[in-house]
Amino acid sequence: SSLVGTSVPMLRSRLGEADFTRGEGEMKTWQYRFDTCVVDYFLLAEGDVARVVGWAWRAPVIGVEIDETACRRALAGRDSAS
């Protein structure tokens, strides 16, 4: 959640390139995949700059409960600012 409001260049700087991207109209999704979870960041253009407006996480396998602690660790391991 600390990345909400972050610009695309800052998101890329913090987490690197997304493992998967998708666009639906004005909304873009950058997805980061880990063994423990999948994290989606939702980006929306505000003028000339796209910013993170939301996020969601889930287990990598449908129907399995997410291990939030392990997911946070995985994100922190990829975050260059940590």
C-alpha atoms as a PDB file:
ATOM      1  CA  SER A   1       0.000   0.000   0.000  1.00  0.00           C
ATOM      2  CA  SER A   2       2.974   2.318   0.458  1.00  0.00           C
ATOM      3  CA  LEU A   3       3.331   2.455  -3.333  1.00  0.00           C
ATOM      4  CA  VAL A   4      -0.123   3.983  -3.928  1.00  0.00           C
ATOM      5  CA  GLY A   5       0.462   7.349  -5.595  1.00  0.00           C
ATOM      6  CA  THR A   6       3.822   6.238  -6.987  1.00  0.00           C
ATOM      7  CA  SER A   7       4.642   7.066 -10.599  1.00  0.00           C
ATOM      8  CA  VAL A   8       5.538   4.382 -13.139  1.00  0.00           C
ATOM      9  CA  PRO A   9       9.259   5.293 -13.150  1.00  0.00           C
ATOM     10  CA  MET A  10       9.340   5.055  -9.342  1.00  0.00           C
ATOM     11  CA  LEU A  11       7.481   1.716  -9.331  1.00  0.00           C
ATOM     12  CA  ARG A  12       9.948   0.390 -11.908  1.00  0.00           C
ATOM     13  CA  SER A  13      12.852   1.722  -9.837  1.00  0.00           C
ATOM     14  CA  ARG A  14      11.544   0.060  -6.675  1.00  0.00           C
ATOM     15  CA  LEU A  15      10.359  -3.326  -7.996  1.00  0.00           C
ATOM     16  CA  GLY A  16      11.854  -3.606 -11.479  1.00  0.00           C
ATOM     17  CA  GLU A  17       9.930  -4.537 -14.583  1.00  0.00           C
ATOM     18  CA  ALA A  18       6.620  -6.265 -14.011  1.00  0.00           C
ATOM     19  CA  ASP A  19       6.406  -9.978 -14.758  1.00  0.00           C
ATOM     20  CA  PHE A  20       3.165  -9.329 -16.655  1.00  0.00           C
ATOM     21  CA  THR A  21       1.332  -6.197 -17.820  1.00  0.00           C
ATOM     22  CA  ARG A  22      -2.178  -5.688 -19.106  1.00  0.00           C
ATOM     23  CA  GLY A  23      -4.170  -2.679 -20.225  1.00  0.00           C
ATOM     24  CA  GLU A  24      -7.917  -2.207 -20.084  1.00  0.00           C
ATOM     25  CA  GLY A  25      -8.884   1.224 -21.360  1.00  0.00           C
ATOM     26  CA  GLU A  26      -7.245   3.854 -19.186  1.00  0.00           C
ATOM     27  CA  MET A  27      -6.263   1.328 -16.514  1.00  0.00           C
ATOM     28  CA  LYS A  28      -2.994  -0.604 -16.649  1.00  0.00           C
ATOM     29  CA  THR A  29      -2.082  -3.542 -14.434  1.00  0.00           C
ATOM     30  CA  TRP A  30       1.484  -4.417 -13.541  1.00  0.00           C
ATOM     31  CA  GLN A  31       1.748  -7.887 -12.034  1.00  0.00           C
ATOM     32  CA  TYR A  32       4.632  -9.206  -9.944  1.00  0.00           C
ATOM     33  CA  ARG A  33       4.776 -12.962  -9.408  1.00  0.00           C
ATOM     34  CA  PHE A  34       6.448 -14.711  -6.492  1.00  0.00           C
ATOM     35  CA  ASP A  35       6.420 -18.301  -5.226  1.00  0.00           C
ATOM     36  CA  THR A  36       4.278 -17.151  -2.291  1.00  0.00           C
ATOM     37  CA  CYS A  37       1.880 -14.716  -3.980  1.00  0.00           C
ATOM     38  CA  VAL A  38       0.899 -12.611  -6.969  1.00  0.00           C
ATOM     39  CA  VAL A  39       0.686  -8.835  -6.531  1.00  0.00           C
ATOM     40  CA  ASP A  40      -1.136  -6.547  -8.961  1.00  0.00           C
ATOM     41  CA  TYR A  41      -0.602  -2.780  -9.063  1.00  0.00           C
ATOM     42  CA  PHE A  42      -3.269  -0.771 -10.876  1.00  0.00           C
ATOM     43  CA  LEU A  43      -2.028   2.310 -12.740  1.00  0.00           C
ATOM     44  CA  LEU A  44      -4.091   5.195 -14.043  1.00  0.00           C
ATOM     45  CA  ALA A  45      -2.856   8.140 -16.118  1.00  0.00           C
ATOM     46  CA  GLU A  46      -3.177  11.517 -14.422  1.00  0.00           C
ATOM     47  CA  GLY A  47      -2.268  13.978 -17.143  1.00  0.00           C
ATOM     48  CA  ASP A  48       1.054  12.861 -18.580  1.00  0.00           C
ATOM     49  CA  VAL A  49       1.969  10.705 -15.579  1.00  0.00           C
ATOM     50  CA  ALA A  50       0.590   7.256 -14.712  1.00  0.00           C
ATOM     51  CA  ARG A  51       0.386   6.533 -10.992  1.00  0.00           C
ATOM     52  CA  VAL A  52      -0.462   3.552  -8.808  1.00  0.00           C
ATOM     53  CA  VAL A  53      -4.078   3.963  -7.689  1.00  0.00           C
ATOM     54  CA  GLY A  54      -4.554   0.574  -6.048  1.00  0.00           C
ATOM     55  CA  TRP A  55      -3.213  -2.915  -5.539  1.00  0.00           C
ATOM     56  CA  ALA A  56      -4.302  -6.453  -4.758  1.00  0.00           C
ATOM     57  CA  TRP A  57      -2.583  -9.663  -3.800  1.00  0.00           C
ATOM     58  CA  ARG A  58      -3.527 -13.298  -3.860  1.00  0.00           C
ATOM     59  CA  ALA A  59      -2.056 -16.751  -3.549  1.00  0.00           C
ATOM     60  CA  PRO A  60      -0.435 -18.085  -6.726  1.00  0.00           C
ATOM     61  CA  VAL A  61      -2.888 -21.009  -6.745  1.00  0.00           C
ATOM     62  CA  ILE A  62      -6.644 -20.426  -6.818  1.00  0.00           C
ATOM     63  CA  GLY A  63      -8.372 -21.574  -3.655  1.00  0.00           C
ATOM     64  CA  VAL A  64      -5.236 -21.437  -1.492  1.00  0.00           C
ATOM     65  CA  GLU A  65      -5.069 -18.889   1.328  1.00  0.00           C
ATOM     66  CA  ILE A  66      -2.411 -16.220   0.907  1.00  0.00           C
ATOM     67  CA  ASP A  67       0.499 -16.163   3.356  1.00  0.00           C
ATOM     68  CA  GLU A  68       0.621 -12.391   3.873  1.00  0.00           C
ATOM     69  CA  THR A  69       3.882 -12.473   5.839  1.00  0.00           C
ATOM     70  CA  ALA A  70       5.670 -14.486   3.155  1.00  0.00           C
ATOM     71  CA  CYS A  71       4.255 -12.197   0.467  1.00  0.00           C
ATOM     72  CA  ARG A  72       5.493  -9.092   2.293  1.00  0.00           C
ATOM     73  CA  ARG A  73       8.935 -10.674   2.563  1.00  0.00           C
ATOM     74  CA  ALA A  74       8.960 -11.485  -1.152  1.00  0.00           C
ATOM     75  CA  LEU A  75       8.006  -7.913  -2.025  1.00  0.00           C
ATOM     76  CA  ALA A  76      10.633  -6.521   0.343  1.00  0.00           C
ATOM     77  CA  GLY A  77      13.239  -8.758  -1.266  1.00  0.00           C
ATOM     78  CA  ARG A  78      12.464  -7.240  -4.651  1.00  0.00           C
ATOM     79  CA  ASP A  79      12.094  -3.655  -3.417  1.00  0.00           C
ATOM     80  CA  SER A  80      15.319  -1.760  -4.037  1.00  0.00           C
ATOM     81  CA  ALA A  81      14.359   0.797  -1.370  1.00  0.00           C
ATOM     82  CA  SER A  82      14.222  -1.757   1.456  1.00  0.00           C
END
